[in-house]
Amino acid sequence: MNDWQARIVDDITRIDRAQWDALVGAESPFLEWDWLASLEEAQCVQPERGWAPQHLTLESGGRLIAACPLYLKGHSEGEFVFDHEWAHAAQGAGIAYYPKLLVAVPFTPANGMRFLTAPGQPRAELVRRLGEVLTQVCEQNRLSSVHVNFCRADEVAVLAGLGFLERVGLQYHWQNPGYGSFEDYLGAFRSKRRTKIRHERRAMEAQGVTIRALHGEAIPDRLVPIVYRLYQQHIDNLTWGRLYLNPRFFELVAQRLRRNLCFIVAEQGGEVIAGTFNVQKQGVFYGRYWGAFREVPFLHFNVCYYAAIEHCISQGLRRMEPGAGGDFKQLRGFDPHPTHSMHFIADPALRAAVARHLERERARMGLVIEHLNAQSQLKLDARQGGP
């Protein structure tokens, strides 16, 4: 019998930073203490906004051996695994869907480990124990459900044994098989698409636009508020947009995680007209926030994709995850990649209905991914791993 002690912590600053990050290791930068603490300190994540931190930890002998970022949610915004239909069905059946428990990184549709475990410890057993505690907390507090978004395959397997239901989605990822230059990347395309990309790239020079990638300490302090305003501008332009982040969060992350940041900015006439906020770690580049002060043809594709790919090639980064949505990404060499989430539904009737829905959805998603792979813009040899 183990001596693992479970604990719920409502403020990540009450968890030792070094111990938490030792669990994260080489995993996603969004799981690091600095990122999660910045969200809380900037008050982007707080109970009044429907995000109450309830981080789950397991300790042994006073040392942290496992944990997961956990939130009590009062709505379903900012998750990118959409369950609004489930909430509507629950309401129709007289079931209170909110609050619910969510294991995820707020506002971040990036894949990664969700159950953090210490090296040398029995990972599968620790994941199982965390999953058991989550279901117990859910049932003892009469919550509707527990959701684990964008998780790993080993977590899917363990949680399925605890009664969680699997949901499959898709994103478009770019893979670097070892390109030596941007021309190598272009050479992976069929002729027509290669010509189109070259045309879109030349359009920047013709319009006097220069684009550059700034990584880590090369990012000047003066650029941080500008990139925030670009993010704000983009959200303001979307009818469905939600301004989840604030200037203070950008400031804190720039202070604490600058080594992982990459800003790609476009200038015209000496002024910044567009840019992206990106994060990178351990060979993976995560595209996060885009915005533009001025509309220029093909600017979005050049800043968000071509300049980012060029940066990845020059830095030897092996993969780019640009986030959710955007079928147009496939035209630029991003092919479909399945994502996984796991869902524990407490009410038996609602669980049965969701299970039927997910069974049909998984089958449909399998066909969609198969179809999209057949539509890849990359030549077959490039998809099989060679430039």
Protein backbone atom coordinates (compact mmCIF):
# COMPACT_ATOMS: atom_id res chain seq x y z
CA MET A 1 0.00 0.00 0.00
CA ASN A 2 1.44 3.41 -0.98
CA ASP A 3 1.48 6.55 1.18
CA TRP A 4 0.36 9.00 -1.51
CA GLN A 5 -1.50 11.95 -0.03
CA ALA A 6 -3.94 13.81 -2.28
CA ARG A 7 -4.42 17.54 -1.84
CA ILE A 8 -6.43 20.26 -3.61
CA VAL A 9 -4.61 23.61 -3.89
CA ASP A 10 -6.54 26.73 -4.92
CA ASP A 11 -3.45 28.86 -5.69
CA ILE A 12 -0.47 27.51 -7.58
CA THR A 13 1.88 29.82 -5.69
CA ARG A 14 1.23 27.55 -2.68
CA ILE A 15 2.94 24.74 -4.59
CA ASP A 16 6.73 24.73 -4.66
CA ARG A 17 7.85 25.99 -8.08
CA ALA A 18 10.91 23.75 -8.36
CA GLN A 19 8.97 20.62 -7.40
CA TRP A 20 6.17 21.39 -9.88
CA ASP A 21 8.60 22.07 -12.75
CA ALA A 22 10.52 18.89 -11.93
CA LEU A 23 7.32 17.02 -12.81
CA VAL A 24 6.93 19.02 -16.05
CA GLY A 25 10.49 18.37 -17.24
CA ALA A 26 10.68 18.49 -21.04
CA GLU A 27 6.90 18.67 -21.39
CA SER A 28 4.84 21.56 -22.80
CA PRO A 29 5.90 25.08 -21.67
CA PHE A 30 2.24 25.82 -20.92
CA LEU A 31 2.41 23.37 -18.01
CA GLU A 32 5.29 25.16 -16.33
CA TRP A 33 4.69 26.89 -13.00
CA ASP A 34 5.58 30.29 -14.49
CA TRP A 35 2.89 30.08 -17.19
CA LEU A 36 0.12 28.89 -14.86
CA ALA A 37 1.12 31.31 -12.09
CA SER A 38 1.12 34.21 -14.55
CA LEU A 39 -2.48 33.40 -15.54
CA GLU A 40 -3.50 33.48 -11.89
CA GLU A 41 -1.47 36.52 -10.88
CA ALA A 42 -2.79 38.53 -13.84
CA GLN A 43 -6.31 37.42 -12.81
CA CYS A 44 -7.06 35.96 -16.22
CA VAL A 45 -7.95 32.83 -14.25
CA GLN A 46 -10.05 33.42 -11.15
CA PRO A 47 -13.38 32.22 -9.69
CA GLU A 48 -15.18 35.43 -10.74
CA ARG A 49 -14.36 34.63 -14.36
CA GLY A 50 -15.53 31.01 -14.13
CA TRP A 51 -12.04 29.56 -13.63
CA ALA A 52 -11.42 28.57 -10.00
CA PRO A 53 -7.98 26.95 -9.60
CA GLN A 54 -8.23 23.60 -7.77
CA HIS A 55 -4.88 22.01 -8.66
CA LEU A 56 -4.67 18.36 -7.64
CA THR A 57 -1.41 17.08 -6.14
CA LEU A 58 -0.11 13.79 -4.78
CA GLU A 59 2.65 13.89 -2.19
CA SER A 60 4.80 11.23 -0.60
CA GLY A 61 6.99 11.99 2.38
CA GLY A 62 6.36 15.71 1.89
CA ARG A 63 7.54 15.62 -1.74
CA LEU A 64 5.40 16.28 -4.80
CA ILE A 65 5.27 13.13 -6.94
CA ALA A 66 2.27 13.84 -9.20
CA ALA A 67 -0.09 16.69 -10.08
CA CYS A 68 -2.49 18.06 -12.65
CA PRO A 69 -3.66 21.61 -13.42
CA LEU A 70 -7.30 21.53 -12.33
CA TYR A 71 -10.07 24.13 -12.49
CA LEU A 72 -13.65 24.33 -11.30
CA LYS A 73 -15.47 25.78 -14.31
CA GLY A 74 -18.67 27.81 -14.31
CA HIS A 75 -18.97 27.73 -18.12
CA SER A 76 -17.34 26.09 -21.14
CA GLU A 77 -15.46 29.05 -22.62
CA GLY A 78 -11.75 29.00 -23.36
CA GLU A 79 -11.47 25.20 -23.56
CA PHE A 80 -11.41 24.42 -27.33
CA VAL A 81 -13.04 21.03 -26.76
CA PHE A 82 -16.64 22.06 -27.17
CA ASP A 83 -19.31 20.53 -24.93
CA HIS A 84 -22.03 23.17 -25.22
CA GLU A 85 -24.43 20.59 -26.71
CA TRP A 86 -23.89 18.36 -23.70
CA ALA A 87 -24.65 21.27 -21.38
CA HIS A 88 -27.82 22.02 -23.36
CA ALA A 89 -28.91 18.37 -23.21
CA ALA A 90 -28.25 18.29 -19.46
CA GLN A 91 -30.34 21.42 -18.95
CA GLY A 92 -33.20 19.84 -20.91
CA ALA A 93 -33.03 16.79 -18.65
CA GLY A 94 -33.00 18.90 -15.49
CA ILE A 95 -29.33 18.16 -14.74
CA ALA A 96 -27.08 20.98 -13.49
CA TYR A 97 -24.07 20.83 -15.83
CA TYR A 98 -22.11 23.63 -14.15
CA PRO A 99 -19.91 23.73 -12.22
CA LYS A 100 -17.69 21.02 -13.68
CA LEU A 101 -14.04 20.01 -13.30
CA LEU A 102 -11.50 20.61 -16.05
CA VAL A 103 -7.93 19.30 -16.31
CA ALA A 104 -6.32 21.53 -18.92
CA VAL A 105 -4.24 24.61 -19.60
CA PRO A 106 -6.63 27.59 -19.78
CA PHE A 107 -7.22 29.09 -23.24
CA THR A 108 -4.60 26.78 -24.80
CA PRO A 109 -5.49 24.07 -27.36
CA ALA A 110 -2.01 22.52 -27.24
CA ASN A 111 -1.39 18.81 -26.85
CA GLY A 112 0.64 17.52 -23.94
CA MET A 113 0.80 15.58 -20.72
CA ARG A 114 -2.02 16.46 -18.35
CA PHE A 115 -1.07 14.22 -15.44
CA LEU A 116 2.43 15.16 -14.34
CA THR A 117 4.47 12.45 -12.62
CA ALA A 118 7.93 12.38 -11.09
CA PRO A 119 10.71 10.53 -12.92
CA GLY A 120 11.35 7.08 -11.50
CA GLN A 121 7.82 6.78 -10.09
CA PRO A 122 5.17 4.31 -11.38
CA ARG A 123 3.52 6.63 -13.89
CA ALA A 124 0.50 4.46 -14.80
CA GLU A 125 -0.35 3.94 -11.13
CA LEU A 126 -0.04 7.65 -10.38
CA VAL A 127 -2.23 8.58 -13.37
CA ARG A 128 -4.79 6.06 -12.18
CA ARG A 129 -4.73 7.49 -8.66
CA LEU A 130 -5.18 11.06 -9.92
CA GLY A 131 -8.08 9.87 -12.08
CA GLU A 132 -9.68 8.10 -9.12
CA VAL A 133 -9.42 11.20 -6.95
CA LEU A 134 -10.98 13.32 -9.71
CA THR A 135 -14.01 11.02 -9.98
CA GLN A 136 -14.36 10.94 -6.18
CA VAL A 137 -14.25 14.75 -5.95
CA CYS A 138 -16.81 14.94 -8.75
CA GLU A 139 -19.25 12.54 -7.10
CA GLN A 140 -18.79 13.71 -3.50
CA ASN A 141 -19.44 17.33 -4.50
CA ARG A 142 -22.30 16.43 -6.84
CA LEU A 143 -20.58 17.92 -9.87
CA SER A 144 -21.72 16.94 -13.33
CA SER A 145 -18.44 15.88 -14.90
CA VAL A 146 -14.65 15.83 -15.20
CA HIS A 147 -12.94 16.73 -18.48
CA VAL A 148 -9.29 16.12 -19.42
CA ASN A 149 -8.45 18.02 -22.61
CA PHE A 150 -5.66 17.50 -25.19
CA CYS A 151 -4.11 14.62 -23.26
CA ARG A 152 -1.56 11.88 -24.00
CA ALA A 153 -2.28 8.35 -25.28
CA ASP A 154 -1.11 6.70 -22.04
CA GLU A 155 -3.52 8.90 -20.08
CA VAL A 156 -6.35 7.95 -22.44
CA ALA A 157 -5.72 4.26 -21.78
CA VAL A 158 -5.71 4.59 -17.98
CA LEU A 159 -8.72 6.92 -17.79
CA ALA A 160 -10.78 4.67 -20.06
CA GLY A 161 -10.44 2.00 -17.39
CA LEU A 162 -11.97 4.42 -14.86
CA GLY A 163 -15.07 5.06 -16.94
CA PHE A 164 -13.95 8.16 -18.81
CA LEU A 165 -15.23 8.51 -22.39
CA GLU A 166 -12.81 9.28 -25.23
CA ARG A 167 -13.32 12.13 -27.65
CA VAL A 168 -11.22 12.53 -30.80
CA GLY A 169 -10.69 15.84 -32.57
CA LEU A 170 -8.17 17.10 -35.07
CA GLN A 171 -5.62 19.82 -35.55
CA TYR A 172 -3.23 20.62 -38.38
CA HIS A 173 0.46 20.18 -37.52
CA TRP A 174 3.60 20.83 -39.56
CA GLN A 175 6.41 18.30 -39.37
CA ASN A 176 10.05 19.02 -40.12
CA PRO A 177 11.70 15.86 -41.50
CA GLY A 178 15.05 17.61 -41.61
CA TYR A 179 14.71 20.48 -44.06
CA GLY A 180 17.92 22.41 -44.58
CA SER A 181 16.22 25.51 -45.99
CA PHE A 182 12.88 27.03 -46.91
CA GLU A 183 13.51 25.86 -50.47
CA ASP A 184 13.64 22.28 -49.17
CA TYR A 185 10.22 22.84 -47.63
CA LEU A 186 8.89 24.20 -50.94
CA GLY A 187 10.35 21.19 -52.72
CA ALA A 188 8.06 18.93 -50.70
CA PHE A 189 4.99 20.38 -52.45
CA ARG A 190 3.42 19.55 -55.74
CA SER A 191 4.27 22.08 -58.42
CA LYS A 192 1.05 24.11 -58.41
CA ARG A 193 1.06 24.70 -54.65
CA ARG A 194 4.80 25.49 -54.66
CA THR A 195 4.20 28.23 -57.25
CA LYS A 196 1.33 29.66 -55.20
CA ILE A 197 3.45 29.91 -52.03
CA ARG A 198 6.26 31.65 -53.90
CA HIS A 199 3.72 34.15 -55.25
CA GLU A 200 2.41 34.86 -51.73
CA ARG A 201 5.96 35.35 -50.43
CA ARG A 202 6.91 37.76 -53.22
CA ALA A 203 3.84 39.86 -52.43
CA MET A 204 5.47 40.97 -49.17
CA GLU A 205 8.51 42.47 -50.89
CA ALA A 206 6.32 44.14 -53.51
CA GLN A 207 4.34 45.87 -50.73
CA GLY A 208 7.41 46.90 -48.73
CA VAL A 209 6.74 44.51 -45.86
CA THR A 210 9.62 42.97 -43.91
CA ILE A 211 9.12 40.07 -41.51
CA ARG A 212 11.47 38.86 -38.81
CA ALA A 213 11.42 36.34 -35.97
CA LEU A 214 12.71 37.43 -32.55
CA HIS A 215 13.45 34.70 -30.03
CA GLY A 216 14.27 34.88 -26.33
CA GLU A 217 16.52 37.73 -25.28
CA ALA A 218 16.36 39.19 -28.79
CA ILE A 219 12.80 40.33 -27.98
CA PRO A 220 12.93 44.00 -26.88
CA ASP A 221 10.76 45.10 -23.96
CA ARG A 222 9.06 47.75 -26.11
CA LEU A 223 7.59 45.00 -28.32
CA VAL A 224 5.65 43.25 -25.54
CA PRO A 225 2.79 45.83 -25.26
CA ILE A 226 2.65 46.09 -29.06
CA VAL A 227 2.13 42.33 -29.40
CA TYR A 228 -0.59 42.51 -26.76
CA ARG A 229 -2.37 45.24 -28.74
CA LEU A 230 -2.15 43.07 -31.85
CA TYR A 231 -3.79 40.22 -29.93
CA GLN A 232 -6.47 42.61 -28.64
CA GLN A 233 -7.09 44.00 -32.13
CA HIS A 234 -7.64 40.52 -33.52
CA ILE A 235 -10.09 39.57 -30.77
CA ASP A 236 -11.99 42.83 -31.25
CA ASN A 237 -12.38 42.01 -34.94
CA LEU A 238 -14.03 38.64 -34.22
CA THR A 239 -17.76 38.58 -33.56
CA TRP A 240 -17.22 35.50 -31.37
CA GLY A 241 -13.96 36.75 -29.87
CA ARG A 242 -13.24 36.62 -26.14
CA LEU A 243 -10.46 38.70 -24.61
CA TYR A 244 -9.21 36.08 -22.16
CA LEU A 245 -5.77 37.63 -21.58
CA ASN A 246 -4.67 41.09 -20.41
CA PRO A 247 -1.52 43.26 -20.62
CA ARG A 248 -0.33 42.10 -17.20
CA PHE A 249 -0.22 38.47 -18.35
CA PHE A 250 1.90 39.40 -21.38
CA GLU A 251 4.26 41.33 -19.09
CA LEU A 252 4.63 38.48 -16.62
CA VAL A 253 5.24 35.83 -19.26
CA ALA A 254 7.79 38.07 -21.00
CA GLN A 255 9.63 38.38 -17.68
CA ARG A 256 9.42 34.76 -16.62
CA LEU A 257 9.45 32.73 -19.84
CA ARG A 258 11.22 34.94 -22.36
CA ARG A 259 13.61 32.08 -23.17
CA ASN A 260 10.64 30.20 -24.64
CA LEU A 261 9.01 33.09 -26.51
CA CYS A 262 9.24 33.90 -30.20
CA PHE A 263 7.59 37.04 -31.60
CA ILE A 264 7.26 37.23 -35.38
CA VAL A 265 6.62 40.80 -36.49
CA ALA A 266 5.88 42.43 -39.83
CA GLU A 267 6.87 46.04 -40.48
CA GLN A 268 5.92 48.42 -43.23
CA GLY A 269 7.39 51.90 -43.47
CA GLY A 270 9.23 51.38 -40.20
CA GLU A 271 6.03 50.57 -38.26
CA VAL A 272 4.88 47.23 -36.85
CA ILE A 273 1.71 46.30 -38.71
CA ALA A 274 1.23 42.66 -37.68
CA GLY A 275 2.72 39.97 -35.50
CA THR A 276 2.37 36.72 -33.61
CA PHE A 277 3.07 35.60 -30.06
CA ASN A 278 4.55 32.09 -30.09
CA VAL A 279 6.10 29.71 -27.58
CA GLN A 280 8.73 27.04 -28.20
CA LYS A 281 10.36 24.28 -26.19
CA GLN A 282 12.12 20.98 -26.79
CA GLY A 283 11.87 21.15 -30.58
CA VAL A 284 8.19 22.13 -30.75
CA PHE A 285 6.91 25.54 -31.89
CA TYR A 286 3.44 26.56 -30.66
CA GLY A 287 1.65 29.29 -32.59
CA ARG A 288 -0.60 31.21 -30.21
CA TYR A 289 -1.80 34.77 -30.87
CA TRP A 290 -1.98 36.74 -34.11
CA GLY A 291 -3.07 40.26 -34.92
CA ALA A 292 -2.73 43.00 -37.54
CA PHE A 293 -3.19 46.77 -37.47
CA ARG A 294 -3.33 46.97 -41.24
CA GLU A 295 -4.77 44.70 -43.92
CA VAL A 296 -2.22 43.58 -46.50
CA PRO A 297 -2.85 40.73 -48.98
CA PHE A 298 -1.21 37.44 -47.90
CA LEU A 299 0.15 39.03 -44.71
CA HIS A 300 -1.49 36.45 -42.43
CA PHE A 301 -0.06 33.45 -44.29
CA ASN A 302 3.43 34.96 -44.35
CA VAL A 303 3.57 35.94 -40.69
CA CYS A 304 1.75 32.97 -39.14
CA TYR A 305 3.07 30.19 -41.37
CA TYR A 306 5.91 30.91 -43.79
CA ALA A 307 8.02 33.01 -41.41
CA ALA A 308 7.30 30.56 -38.59
CA ILE A 309 8.31 27.59 -40.75
CA GLU A 310 11.47 29.39 -41.82
CA HIS A 311 12.27 30.00 -38.15
CA CYS A 312 11.62 26.34 -37.28
CA ILE A 313 13.93 25.17 -40.06
CA SER A 314 16.72 27.56 -39.04
CA GLN A 315 16.41 26.51 -35.38
CA GLY A 316 16.07 22.79 -36.10
CA LEU A 317 12.60 22.60 -34.52
CA ARG A 318 10.85 19.38 -35.48
CA ARG A 319 7.16 20.29 -35.22
CA MET A 320 4.82 23.27 -35.34
CA GLU A 321 1.40 23.27 -33.69
CA PRO A 322 -0.49 26.40 -34.79
CA GLY A 323 -3.55 25.75 -32.63
CA ALA A 324 -7.19 25.04 -33.39
CA GLY A 325 -9.11 25.31 -36.65
CA GLY A 326 -8.13 26.50 -40.10
CA ASP A 327 -8.55 24.05 -42.96
CA PHE A 328 -6.45 26.43 -45.08
CA LYS A 329 -3.41 25.29 -43.09
CA GLN A 330 -3.34 22.06 -45.08
CA LEU A 331 -2.64 24.04 -48.25
CA ARG A 332 0.63 25.09 -46.60
CA GLY A 333 1.89 21.69 -45.57
CA PHE A 334 0.03 21.17 -42.27
CA ASP A 335 -1.61 17.76 -42.28
CA PRO A 336 -4.30 16.48 -39.87
CA HIS A 337 -3.32 15.13 -36.48
CA PRO A 338 -5.83 13.55 -34.06
CA THR A 339 -6.29 15.06 -30.61
CA HIS A 340 -7.72 13.27 -27.59
CA SER A 341 -9.75 14.27 -24.56
CA MET A 342 -11.38 12.19 -21.84
CA HIS A 343 -14.70 12.85 -20.11
CA PHE A 344 -16.26 11.43 -16.95
CA ILE A 345 -20.01 12.05 -16.77
CA ALA A 346 -21.56 11.39 -13.37
CA ASP A 347 -25.24 11.08 -14.31
CA PRO A 348 -25.88 7.62 -15.88
CA ALA A 349 -28.50 8.80 -18.39
CA LEU A 350 -26.42 11.77 -19.58
CA ARG A 351 -23.34 9.55 -19.71
CA ALA A 352 -25.13 7.03 -21.94
CA ALA A 353 -26.27 9.78 -24.31
CA VAL A 354 -22.78 11.32 -24.50
CA ALA A 355 -21.24 7.86 -25.04
CA ARG A 356 -23.51 7.24 -28.05
CA HIS A 357 -22.67 10.66 -29.46
CA LEU A 358 -18.93 10.14 -29.04
CA GLU A 359 -19.03 6.71 -30.65
CA ARG A 360 -20.57 8.21 -33.79
CA GLU A 361 -18.27 11.22 -33.64
CA ARG A 362 -15.12 9.07 -33.39
CA ALA A 363 -16.15 7.05 -36.43
CA ARG A 364 -16.89 10.22 -38.40
CA MET A 365 -13.62 11.84 -37.32
CA GLY A 366 -11.69 8.79 -38.47
CA LEU A 367 -13.20 9.16 -41.94
CA VAL A 368 -12.50 12.91 -41.99
CA ILE A 369 -8.84 12.43 -41.11
CA GLU A 370 -8.49 9.68 -43.71
CA HIS A 371 -10.04 11.95 -46.35
CA LEU A 372 -7.85 14.91 -45.39
CA ASN A 373 -4.69 12.80 -45.52
CA ALA A 374 -5.64 11.84 -49.06
CA GLN A 375 -5.87 15.56 -49.88
CA SER A 376 -2.38 16.40 -48.56
CA GLN A 377 -0.53 19.03 -50.58
CA LEU A 378 2.78 17.33 -49.85
CA LYS A 379 4.31 14.82 -52.21
CA LEU A 380 4.22 11.24 -50.96
CA ASP A 381 7.95 10.98 -50.26
CA ALA A 382 7.77 14.12 -48.09
CA ARG A 383 4.92 12.69 -46.04
CA GLN A 384 6.92 9.51 -45.52
CA GLY A 385 9.72 11.42 -43.84
CA GLY A 386 12.13 12.82 -46.40
CA PRO A 387 12.48 16.35 -47.78
